[in-house]
Amino acid sequence: MRSTDRLAPRGNKIYFLSDFHLGAPTAAESLQREQRICQFLDQAALDAAEIFLMGDLFDFWYEYKKVVPKGYVRLLGKLATLQDAEIKLHLFVGNHDMWVKDYFQQELGLHVYYDPVTIVRNGQRLHIGHGDGLGPGDTGYKWLKRIFRNPICQRLFGWLPPVIGISIAAFFSRQSRAKTGAAEEVFQGPEREWLISYCKERMALDPVDYFLFGHRHLPIDWELSSDPSIVRYINLGDWIRYYSYAVLDGTSLSLKFFTDQQHKLITNRKP
C-alpha cells in the first residue's frame, strides 16, 4: 500500500470512473459507449485536475511486446489529449484488463496501479482500487488471479500468436460476464456485499474518509459509520447501464450520473 498527497488547484475537481468494458458485447454497442465516454471526458477536462480510471476499461487487454489489442482509438486519443493538457491521469488495473504492462505509461503518460492504494487529496484520505478479489469469499477467482498475475504465466501466454491468444481470452471474458451478470445487477445488502465487509475490516487498520471502488457495477453510496466521523463506501457503477462517476470537489465527494439516472443510486444516506 502507498500513500500519496497532492492538493488539487483551487476550483479544480478530481474525477473517478470505472468499468467501461469496451469491446463488449458487440462492436456497435462498444463504439456508442466509447463515444459517450469521450463526451464525458471532454466535459470533465473543463475543470479537472486529475482523472482516475478505476479498472476494466476494456473487456480484455493484453500487451504483447510489439502488439496491443485493435481498436479503442477514440478513447486512447482522448487520454493523450488530456495528458497533453497536463491533467494528471491514473489507471487502476481491473480483472478484465489485468495484463496491462507499460503501454499506457510510455505512450500516454498514465500512472498505473495494480493494487489498492490510500491517497490524500484536499485533506481527505481515500482508499481506492478496482475492487476485485477483496473481502471474504470468491476464493476461486482469488486463486485464478494469482495465476494470471504470475509473470511466468503471462510470458507463456505471450508465446501464443495474438490471433489465438486474444480469441481465447475474449472467450473467457464472455464466460465471466455470463456467470456474474445477474449477480452484478442486484444489491445484496450490507451484510452480504463483500466490498462493504472489506471496508469495515479495513477501517480498523487504515482510518480513511472514503473507500472508493469499481468492479461491482452498481452505483452505491453507503455510510459505514455514524457521526461524528462518517466514513463512506462509494462504488462507481459502470458505463454500460448507469454512466455514473464520482467527483471530489474541494473536500466533498459525490456520486453523479452522466445521464438522468440519479434515482438508481443505492444509498443509506439521509436526503
C-alpha atoms as a PDB file:
ATOM      1  CA  MET A   1       0.000   0.000   0.000  1.00  0.00           C
ATOM      2  CA  ARG A   2       1.127   3.533  -0.754  1.00  0.00           C
ATOM      3  CA  SER A   3       0.002   6.911   0.433  1.00  0.00           C
ATOM      4  CA  THR A   4       0.440   9.990  -1.741  1.00  0.00           C
ATOM      5  CA  ASP A   5      -0.687  13.556  -1.212  1.00  0.00           C
ATOM      6  CA  ARG A   6      -1.282  16.328  -3.692  1.00  0.00           C
ATOM      7  CA  LEU A   7      -3.502  19.356  -3.260  1.00  0.00           C
ATOM      8  CA  ALA A   8      -5.653  19.999  -6.311  1.00  0.00           C
ATOM      9  CA  PRO A   9      -5.558  23.596  -7.609  1.00  0.00           C
ATOM     10  CA  ARG A  10      -8.301  25.803  -6.204  1.00  0.00           C
ATOM     11  CA  GLY A  11     -11.561  25.347  -8.115  1.00  0.00           C
ATOM     12  CA  ASN A  12     -10.427  22.161  -9.872  1.00  0.00           C
ATOM     13  CA  LYS A  13     -12.030  18.776  -9.462  1.00  0.00           C
ATOM     14  CA  ILE A  14     -10.878  15.154  -9.286  1.00  0.00           C
ATOM     15  CA  TYR A  15     -12.937  12.588 -11.211  1.00  0.00           C
ATOM     16  CA  PHE A  16     -13.263   8.816 -10.735  1.00  0.00           C
ATOM     17  CA  LEU A  17     -14.915   6.427 -13.206  1.00  0.00           C
ATOM     18  CA  SER A  18     -14.761   2.714 -13.905  1.00  0.00           C
ATOM     19  CA  ASP A  19     -15.938  -0.331 -15.846  1.00  0.00           C
ATOM     20  CA  PHE A  20     -16.296   0.707 -19.485  1.00  0.00           C
ATOM     21  CA  HIS A  21     -15.789  -2.870 -20.788  1.00  0.00           C
ATOM     22  CA  LEU A  22     -15.087  -1.581 -24.272  1.00  0.00           C
ATOM     23  CA  GLY A  23     -15.226  -4.306 -26.877  1.00  0.00           C
ATOM     24  CA  ALA A  24     -18.331  -5.947 -25.401  1.00  0.00           C
ATOM     25  CA  PRO A  25     -20.901  -7.138 -26.118  1.00  0.00           C
ATOM     26  CA  THR A  26     -20.751  -6.007 -29.774  1.00  0.00           C
ATOM     27  CA  ALA A  27     -18.566  -3.627 -31.751  1.00  0.00           C
ATOM     28  CA  ALA A  28     -21.519  -1.306 -32.429  1.00  0.00           C
ATOM     29  CA  GLU A  29     -22.571  -1.066 -28.765  1.00  0.00           C
ATOM     30  CA  SER A  30     -18.970  -0.621 -27.678  1.00  0.00           C
ATOM     31  CA  LEU A  31     -18.465   2.221 -30.147  1.00  0.00           C
ATOM     32  CA  GLN A  32     -21.564   4.042 -28.913  1.00  0.00           C
ATOM     33  CA  ARG A  33     -20.355   3.667 -25.329  1.00  0.00           C
ATOM     34  CA  GLU A  34     -16.849   4.837 -26.230  1.00  0.00           C
ATOM     35  CA  GLN A  35     -18.238   7.961 -27.881  1.00  0.00           C
ATOM     36  CA  ARG A  36     -20.277   8.803 -24.793  1.00  0.00           C
ATOM     37  CA  ILE A  37     -17.267   8.282 -22.534  1.00  0.00           C
ATOM     38  CA  CYS A  38     -15.251  10.667 -24.698  1.00  0.00           C
ATOM     39  CA  GLN A  39     -18.044  13.224 -24.450  1.00  0.00           C
ATOM     40  CA  PHE A  40     -17.862  12.968 -20.676  1.00  0.00           C
ATOM     41  CA  LEU A  41     -14.072  13.329 -20.679  1.00  0.00           C
ATOM     42  CA  ASP A  42     -14.390  16.470 -22.815  1.00  0.00           C
ATOM     43  CA  GLN A  43     -16.749  17.883 -20.191  1.00  0.00           C
ATOM     44  CA  ALA A  44     -14.555  16.819 -17.272  1.00  0.00           C
ATOM     45  CA  ALA A  45     -11.493  18.379 -18.903  1.00  0.00           C
ATOM     46  CA  LEU A  46     -13.008  21.838 -18.367  1.00  0.00           C
ATOM     47  CA  ASP A  47     -12.412  21.686 -14.596  1.00  0.00           C
ATOM     48  CA  ALA A  48     -10.393  18.519 -13.884  1.00  0.00           C
ATOM     49  CA  ALA A  49      -7.094  18.494 -12.032  1.00  0.00           C
ATOM     50  CA  GLU A  50      -6.910  14.685 -12.075  1.00  0.00           C
ATOM     51  CA  ILE A  51      -8.876  11.778 -13.503  1.00  0.00           C
ATOM     52  CA  PHE A  52      -8.770   8.292 -12.002  1.00  0.00           C
ATOM     53  CA  LEU A  53      -9.760   5.436 -14.326  1.00  0.00           C
ATOM     54  CA  MET A  54     -10.573   2.638 -11.900  1.00  0.00           C
ATOM     55  CA  GLY A  55     -10.264  -0.510 -13.995  1.00  0.00           C
ATOM     56  CA  ASP A  56     -11.956  -2.679 -16.623  1.00  0.00           C
ATOM     57  CA  LEU A  57     -11.736  -0.008 -19.272  1.00  0.00           C
ATOM     58  CA  PHE A  58     -11.607  -2.880 -21.732  1.00  0.00           C
ATOM     59  CA  ASP A  59     -13.371  -6.206 -21.706  1.00  0.00           C
ATOM     60  CA  PHE A  60      -9.976  -7.693 -22.459  1.00  0.00           C
ATOM     61  CA  TRP A  61      -6.483  -6.244 -22.748  1.00  0.00           C
ATOM     62  CA  TYR A  62      -3.162  -7.989 -23.256  1.00  0.00           C
ATOM     63  CA  GLU A  63       0.060  -6.331 -24.314  1.00  0.00           C
ATOM     64  CA  TYR A  64       2.409  -8.353 -26.435  1.00  0.00           C
ATOM     65  CA  LYS A  65       5.897  -6.942 -26.803  1.00  0.00           C
ATOM     66  CA  LYS A  66       5.014  -5.086 -30.012  1.00  0.00           C
ATOM     67  CA  VAL A  67       1.258  -5.637 -30.277  1.00  0.00           C
ATOM     68  CA  VAL A  68      -1.720  -4.217 -28.375  1.00  0.00           C
ATOM     69  CA  PRO A  69      -5.421  -5.013 -28.981  1.00  0.00           C
ATOM     70  CA  LYS A  70      -7.012  -3.427 -32.026  1.00  0.00           C
ATOM     71  CA  GLY A  71      -9.461  -0.563 -31.578  1.00  0.00           C
ATOM     72  CA  TYR A  72     -10.346   1.988 -28.875  1.00  0.00           C
ATOM     73  CA  VAL A  73      -8.623   4.790 -30.806  1.00  0.00           C
ATOM     74  CA  ARG A  74     -11.154   7.402 -29.690  1.00  0.00           C
ATOM     75  CA  LEU A  75     -10.561   6.739 -26.006  1.00  0.00           C
ATOM     76  CA  LEU A  76      -6.794   6.380 -26.363  1.00  0.00           C
ATOM     77  CA  GLY A  77      -6.609   9.591 -28.381  1.00  0.00           C
ATOM     78  CA  LYS A  78      -8.729  11.383 -25.799  1.00  0.00           C
ATOM     79  CA  LEU A  79      -6.423  10.264 -22.990  1.00  0.00           C
ATOM     80  CA  ALA A  80      -3.434  11.533 -24.954  1.00  0.00           C
ATOM     81  CA  THR A  81      -5.173  14.897 -25.363  1.00  0.00           C
ATOM     82  CA  LEU A  82      -5.918  15.119 -21.640  1.00  0.00           C
ATOM     83  CA  GLN A  83      -2.327  14.244 -20.799  1.00  0.00           C
ATOM     84  CA  ASP A  84      -1.068  16.934 -23.194  1.00  0.00           C
ATOM     85  CA  ALA A  85      -3.359  19.378 -21.367  1.00  0.00           C
ATOM     86  CA  GLU A  86      -1.460  18.480 -18.146  1.00  0.00           C
ATOM     87  CA  ILE A  87      -4.412  16.774 -16.496  1.00  0.00           C
ATOM     88  CA  LYS A  88      -2.936  14.070 -14.297  1.00  0.00           C
ATOM     89  CA  LEU A  89      -4.278  10.641 -15.304  1.00  0.00           C
ATOM     90  CA  HIS A  90      -4.308   7.448 -13.216  1.00  0.00           C
ATOM     91  CA  LEU A  91      -5.201   3.920 -14.304  1.00  0.00           C
ATOM     92  CA  PHE A  92      -6.061   1.057 -11.966  1.00  0.00           C
ATOM     93  CA  VAL A  93      -5.800  -2.403 -13.483  1.00  0.00           C
ATOM     94  CA  GLY A  94      -9.039  -4.397 -13.294  1.00  0.00           C
ATOM     95  CA  ASN A  95      -9.794  -8.084 -13.580  1.00  0.00           C
ATOM     96  CA  HIS A  96     -10.633  -7.809 -17.298  1.00  0.00           C
ATOM     97  CA  ASP A  97      -7.538  -5.782 -18.182  1.00  0.00           C
ATOM     98  CA  MET A  98      -5.060  -7.040 -15.588  1.00  0.00           C
ATOM     99  CA  TRP A  99      -2.418  -7.689 -18.245  1.00  0.00           C
ATOM    100  CA  VAL A 100      -1.603  -4.021 -18.673  1.00  0.00           C
ATOM    101  CA  LYS A 101       2.181  -3.661 -18.819  1.00  0.00           C
ATOM    102  CA  ASP A 102       3.927  -0.459 -19.916  1.00  0.00           C
ATOM    103  CA  TYR A 103       1.959   0.781 -22.934  1.00  0.00           C
ATOM    104  CA  PHE A 104      -0.137   3.297 -21.009  1.00  0.00           C
ATOM    105  CA  GLN A 105       2.857   4.659 -19.120  1.00  0.00           C
ATOM    106  CA  GLN A 106       5.122   5.006 -22.159  1.00  0.00           C
ATOM    107  CA  GLU A 107       2.620   6.102 -24.806  1.00  0.00           C
ATOM    108  CA  LEU A 108       0.133   8.101 -22.740  1.00  0.00           C
ATOM    109  CA  GLY A 109       1.973   9.039 -19.548  1.00  0.00           C
ATOM    110  CA  LEU A 110      -0.598   7.456 -17.200  1.00  0.00           C
ATOM    111  CA  HIS A 111       0.236   6.422 -13.654  1.00  0.00           C
ATOM    112  CA  VAL A 112      -0.667   2.721 -13.411  1.00  0.00           C
ATOM    113  CA  TYR A 113      -1.601   0.825 -10.214  1.00  0.00           C
ATOM    114  CA  TYR A 114      -2.007  -2.913  -9.761  1.00  0.00           C
ATOM    115  CA  ASP A 115      -3.304  -2.918  -6.181  1.00  0.00           C
ATOM    116  CA  PRO A 116      -5.414  -0.623  -3.972  1.00  0.00           C
ATOM    117  CA  VAL A 117      -3.709   2.477  -2.594  1.00  0.00           C
ATOM    118  CA  THR A 118      -4.507   5.092   0.011  1.00  0.00           C
ATOM    119  CA  ILE A 119      -4.192   8.654  -1.254  1.00  0.00           C
ATOM    120  CA  VAL A 120      -4.784  12.059   0.278  1.00  0.00           C
ATOM    121  CA  ARG A 121      -6.457  14.819  -1.698  1.00  0.00           C
ATOM    122  CA  ASN A 122      -7.570  18.154  -0.241  1.00  0.00           C
ATOM    123  CA  GLY A 123      -7.181  16.774   3.277  1.00  0.00           C
ATOM    124  CA  GLN A 124      -9.387  13.743   2.570  1.00  0.00           C
ATOM    125  CA  ARG A 125      -7.999  10.218   2.859  1.00  0.00           C
ATOM    126  CA  LEU A 126      -9.299   7.857   0.181  1.00  0.00           C
ATOM    127  CA  HIS A 127      -8.627   4.134  -0.068  1.00  0.00           C
ATOM    128  CA  ILE A 128      -9.163   3.300  -3.736  1.00  0.00           C
ATOM    129  CA  GLY A 129      -8.793   0.401  -6.169  1.00  0.00           C
ATOM    130  CA  HIS A 130     -10.664  -1.601  -8.757  1.00  0.00           C
ATOM    131  CA  GLY A 131     -12.186  -3.833  -6.063  1.00  0.00           C
ATOM    132  CA  ASP A 132     -11.715  -7.355  -7.431  1.00  0.00           C
ATOM    133  CA  GLY A 133     -10.540 -10.073  -5.055  1.00  0.00           C
ATOM    134  CA  LEU A 134     -11.143  -8.050  -1.883  1.00  0.00           C
ATOM    135  CA  GLY A 135     -13.162  -9.114   1.132  1.00  0.00           C
ATOM    136  CA  PRO A 136     -14.417 -12.577   2.079  1.00  0.00           C
ATOM    137  CA  GLY A 137     -15.375 -15.358  -0.322  1.00  0.00           C
ATOM    138  CA  ASP A 138     -14.753 -15.665  -4.069  1.00  0.00           C
ATOM    139  CA  THR A 139     -11.835 -17.989  -3.404  1.00  0.00           C
ATOM    140  CA  GLY A 140     -11.955 -19.407  -6.927  1.00  0.00           C
ATOM    141  CA  TYR A 141     -11.321 -16.024  -8.519  1.00  0.00           C
ATOM    142  CA  LYS A 142      -8.606 -15.154  -5.985  1.00  0.00           C
ATOM    143  CA  TRP A 143      -6.802 -18.351  -6.932  1.00  0.00           C
ATOM    144  CA  LEU A 144      -7.121 -17.575 -10.645  1.00  0.00           C
ATOM    145  CA  LYS A 145      -5.936 -14.013 -10.097  1.00  0.00           C
ATOM    146  CA  ARG A 146      -2.689 -15.249  -8.554  1.00  0.00           C
ATOM    147  CA  ILE A 147      -2.128 -17.410 -11.631  1.00  0.00           C
ATOM    148  CA  PHE A 148      -2.989 -14.671 -14.123  1.00  0.00           C
ATOM    149  CA  ARG A 149      -0.788 -12.132 -12.336  1.00  0.00           C
ATOM    150  CA  ASN A 150       2.164 -14.538 -12.280  1.00  0.00           C
ATOM    151  CA  PRO A 151       4.894 -13.209 -14.638  1.00  0.00           C
ATOM    152  CA  ILE A 152       5.740 -16.713 -15.850  1.00  0.00           C
ATOM    153  CA  CYS A 153       2.120 -17.426 -16.794  1.00  0.00           C
ATOM    154  CA  GLN A 154       1.904 -14.096 -18.580  1.00  0.00           C
ATOM    155  CA  ARG A 155       5.077 -14.859 -20.513  1.00  0.00           C
ATOM    156  CA  LEU A 156       3.795 -18.275 -21.539  1.00  0.00           C
ATOM    157  CA  PHE A 157       0.544 -16.738 -22.763  1.00  0.00           C
ATOM    158  CA  GLY A 158       2.579 -14.229 -24.749  1.00  0.00           C
ATOM    159  CA  TRP A 159       4.090 -17.063 -26.792  1.00  0.00           C
ATOM    160  CA  LEU A 160       0.702 -17.625 -28.402  1.00  0.00           C
ATOM    161  CA  PRO A 161       0.154 -15.713 -31.661  1.00  0.00           C
ATOM    162  CA  PRO A 162      -2.102 -12.678 -30.992  1.00  0.00           C
ATOM    163  CA  VAL A 163      -4.937 -14.012 -33.171  1.00  0.00           C
ATOM    164  CA  ILE A 164      -5.088 -17.152 -30.994  1.00  0.00           C
ATOM    165  CA  GLY A 165      -4.307 -15.624 -27.602  1.00  0.00           C
ATOM    166  CA  ILE A 166      -6.773 -12.747 -27.878  1.00  0.00           C
ATOM    167  CA  SER A 167      -9.506 -15.077 -29.174  1.00  0.00           C
ATOM    168  CA  ILE A 168      -9.044 -17.415 -26.196  1.00  0.00           C
ATOM    169  CA  ALA A 169      -9.055 -14.522 -23.725  1.00  0.00           C
ATOM    170  CA  ALA A 170     -12.149 -12.970 -25.321  1.00  0.00           C
ATOM    171  CA  PHE A 171     -13.971 -16.289 -24.921  1.00  0.00           C
ATOM    172  CA  PHE A 172     -13.194 -16.494 -21.207  1.00  0.00           C
ATOM    173  CA  SER A 173     -14.142 -12.844 -20.756  1.00  0.00           C
ATOM    174  CA  ARG A 174     -17.580 -13.573 -22.237  1.00  0.00           C
ATOM    175  CA  GLN A 175     -17.914 -16.592 -19.946  1.00  0.00           C
ATOM    176  CA  SER A 176     -17.077 -14.432 -16.932  1.00  0.00           C
ATOM    177  CA  ARG A 177     -19.775 -11.892 -17.831  1.00  0.00           C
ATOM    178  CA  ALA A 178     -22.328 -14.653 -18.380  1.00  0.00           C
ATOM    179  CA  LYS A 179     -21.560 -16.131 -14.965  1.00  0.00           C
ATOM    180  CA  THR A 180     -21.665 -12.891 -12.953  1.00  0.00           C
ATOM    181  CA  GLY A 181     -24.089 -10.781 -14.979  1.00  0.00           C
ATOM    182  CA  ALA A 182     -27.222 -11.417 -12.917  1.00  0.00           C
ATOM    183  CA  ALA A 183     -25.402 -11.062  -9.582  1.00  0.00           C
ATOM    184  CA  GLU A 184     -23.990  -7.687 -10.657  1.00  0.00           C
ATOM    185  CA  GLU A 185     -27.482  -6.275 -11.083  1.00  0.00           C
ATOM    186  CA  VAL A 186     -28.693  -6.819  -7.512  1.00  0.00           C
ATOM    187  CA  PHE A 187     -27.569  -5.158  -4.281  1.00  0.00           C
ATOM    188  CA  GLN A 188     -27.079  -7.976  -1.779  1.00  0.00           C
ATOM    189  CA  GLY A 189     -27.493  -5.891   1.384  1.00  0.00           C
ATOM    190  CA  PRO A 190     -24.767  -4.547   3.714  1.00  0.00           C
ATOM    191  CA  GLU A 191     -24.168  -7.928   5.365  1.00  0.00           C
ATOM    192  CA  ARG A 192     -23.579  -9.760   2.079  1.00  0.00           C
ATOM    193  CA  GLU A 193     -21.813  -7.143  -0.027  1.00  0.00           C
ATOM    194  CA  TRP A 194     -18.204  -8.308   0.201  1.00  0.00           C
ATOM    195  CA  LEU A 195     -16.715  -4.898  -0.530  1.00  0.00           C
ATOM    196  CA  ILE A 196     -18.650  -3.424   2.393  1.00  0.00           C
ATOM    197  CA  SER A 197     -17.235  -6.226   4.558  1.00  0.00           C
ATOM    198  CA  TYR A 198     -13.750  -5.405   3.291  1.00  0.00           C
ATOM    199  CA  CYS A 199     -14.214  -1.714   4.098  1.00  0.00           C
ATOM    200  CA  LYS A 200     -15.395  -2.405   7.644  1.00  0.00           C
ATOM    201  CA  GLU A 201     -12.387  -4.629   8.324  1.00  0.00           C
ATOM    202  CA  ARG A 202     -10.010  -2.161   6.720  1.00  0.00           C
ATOM    203  CA  MET A 203     -11.307   0.792   8.762  1.00  0.00           C
ATOM    204  CA  ALA A 204      -9.618  -0.552  11.873  1.00  0.00           C
ATOM    205  CA  LEU A 205      -6.242  -0.735  10.107  1.00  0.00           C
ATOM    206  CA  ASP A 206      -6.256   2.389   7.982  1.00  0.00           C
ATOM    207  CA  PRO A 207      -8.694   5.124   9.039  1.00  0.00           C
ATOM    208  CA  VAL A 208      -9.925   6.932   5.942  1.00  0.00           C
ATOM    209  CA  ASP A 209     -12.729   9.259   4.928  1.00  0.00           C
ATOM    210  CA  TYR A 210     -13.783   7.347   1.810  1.00  0.00           C
ATOM    211  CA  PHE A 211     -13.485   3.891   0.283  1.00  0.00           C
ATOM    212  CA  LEU A 212     -13.888   4.061  -3.464  1.00  0.00           C
ATOM    213  CA  PHE A 213     -14.034   1.086  -5.851  1.00  0.00           C
ATOM    214  CA  GLY A 214     -15.371  -0.093  -9.191  1.00  0.00           C
ATOM    215  CA  HIS A 215     -15.903  -3.730 -10.227  1.00  0.00           C
ATOM    216  CA  ARG A 216     -19.313  -4.119  -8.567  1.00  0.00           C
ATOM    217  CA  HIS A 217     -21.167  -2.411 -11.463  1.00  0.00           C
ATOM    218  CA  LEU A 218     -23.665  -0.779  -9.097  1.00  0.00           C
ATOM    219  CA  PRO A 219     -23.783   2.916  -8.108  1.00  0.00           C
ATOM    220  CA  ILE A 220     -23.541   2.711  -4.311  1.00  0.00           C
ATOM    221  CA  ASP A 221     -23.014   5.453  -1.706  1.00  0.00           C
ATOM    222  CA  TRP A 222     -23.056   3.782   1.716  1.00  0.00           C
ATOM    223  CA  GLU A 223     -22.273   5.232   5.148  1.00  0.00           C
ATOM    224  CA  LEU A 224     -20.151   2.788   7.134  1.00  0.00           C
ATOM    225  CA  SER A 225     -20.116   4.708  10.403  1.00  0.00           C
ATOM    226  CA  SER A 226     -22.178   7.365  12.107  1.00  0.00           C
ATOM    227  CA  ASP A 227     -21.395  10.863  13.302  1.00  0.00           C
ATOM    228  CA  PRO A 228     -19.092  12.435  14.220  1.00  0.00           C
ATOM    229  CA  SER A 229     -16.694  10.527  11.920  1.00  0.00           C
ATOM    230  CA  ILE A 230     -18.699   9.492   8.876  1.00  0.00           C
ATOM    231  CA  VAL A 231     -16.877   7.039   6.615  1.00  0.00           C
ATOM    232  CA  ARG A 232     -18.428   6.292   3.216  1.00  0.00           C
ATOM    233  CA  TYR A 233     -18.061   3.446   0.739  1.00  0.00           C
ATOM    234  CA  ILE A 234     -18.677   4.531  -2.842  1.00  0.00           C
ATOM    235  CA  ASN A 235     -18.912   2.144  -5.771  1.00  0.00           C
ATOM    236  CA  LEU A 236     -18.654   3.826  -9.142  1.00  0.00           C
ATOM    237  CA  GLY A 237     -21.205   1.736 -11.002  1.00  0.00           C
ATOM    238  CA  ASP A 238     -20.372   1.360 -14.699  1.00  0.00           C
ATOM    239  CA  TRP A 239     -20.632   2.869 -18.175  1.00  0.00           C
ATOM    240  CA  ILE A 240     -22.770   0.063 -19.525  1.00  0.00           C
ATOM    241  CA  ARG A 241     -26.058   0.744 -17.716  1.00  0.00           C
ATOM    242  CA  TYR A 242     -25.546   3.666 -15.351  1.00  0.00           C
ATOM    243  CA  TYR A 243     -22.946   6.058 -16.806  1.00  0.00           C
ATOM    244  CA  SER A 244     -22.004   7.005 -13.250  1.00  0.00           C
ATOM    245  CA  TYR A 245     -18.897   8.608 -11.798  1.00  0.00           C
ATOM    246  CA  ALA A 246     -17.615  10.259  -8.628  1.00  0.00           C
ATOM    247  CA  VAL A 247     -16.162  13.729  -8.277  1.00  0.00           C
ATOM    248  CA  LEU A 248     -14.157  15.237  -5.440  1.00  0.00           C
ATOM    249  CA  ASP A 249     -14.953  18.940  -5.362  1.00  0.00           C
ATOM    250  CA  GLY A 250     -12.969  20.516  -2.576  1.00  0.00           C
ATOM    251  CA  THR A 251     -13.487  18.172   0.368  1.00  0.00           C
ATOM    252  CA  SER A 252     -16.868  16.818  -0.791  1.00  0.00           C
ATOM    253  CA  LEU A 253     -17.042  13.524  -2.702  1.00  0.00           C
ATOM    254  CA  SER A 254     -20.295  12.752  -4.521  1.00  0.00           C
ATOM    255  CA  LEU A 255     -21.565  10.101  -6.914  1.00  0.00           C
ATOM    256  CA  LYS A 256     -23.159  11.505 -10.060  1.00  0.00           C
ATOM    257  CA  PHE A 257     -24.668  10.317 -13.350  1.00  0.00           C
ATOM    258  CA  PHE A 258     -23.848  11.493 -16.874  1.00  0.00           C
ATOM    259  CA  THR A 259     -27.372  10.508 -17.912  1.00  0.00           C
ATOM    260  CA  ASP A 260     -30.574  11.065 -15.952  1.00  0.00           C
ATOM    261  CA  GLN A 261     -30.401   8.039 -13.634  1.00  0.00           C
ATOM    262  CA  GLN A 262     -29.926   9.563 -10.190  1.00  0.00           C
ATOM    263  CA  HIS A 263     -32.972   7.596  -8.996  1.00  0.00           C
ATOM    264  CA  LYS A 264     -30.950   4.379  -9.389  1.00  0.00           C
ATOM    265  CA  LEU A 265     -28.429   5.345  -6.712  1.00  0.00           C
ATOM    266  CA  ILE A 266     -28.197   2.759  -3.900  1.00  0.00           C
ATOM    267  CA  THR A 267     -27.667   4.534  -0.600  1.00  0.00           C
ATOM    268  CA  ASN A 268     -28.461   4.542   3.108  1.00  0.00           C
ATOM    269  CA  ARG A 269     -27.697   8.253   3.448  1.00  0.00           C
ATOM    270  CA  LYS A 270     -30.437  10.599   4.536  1.00  0.00           C
ATOM    271  CA  PRO A 271     -31.595  13.126   1.916  1.00  0.00           C
END
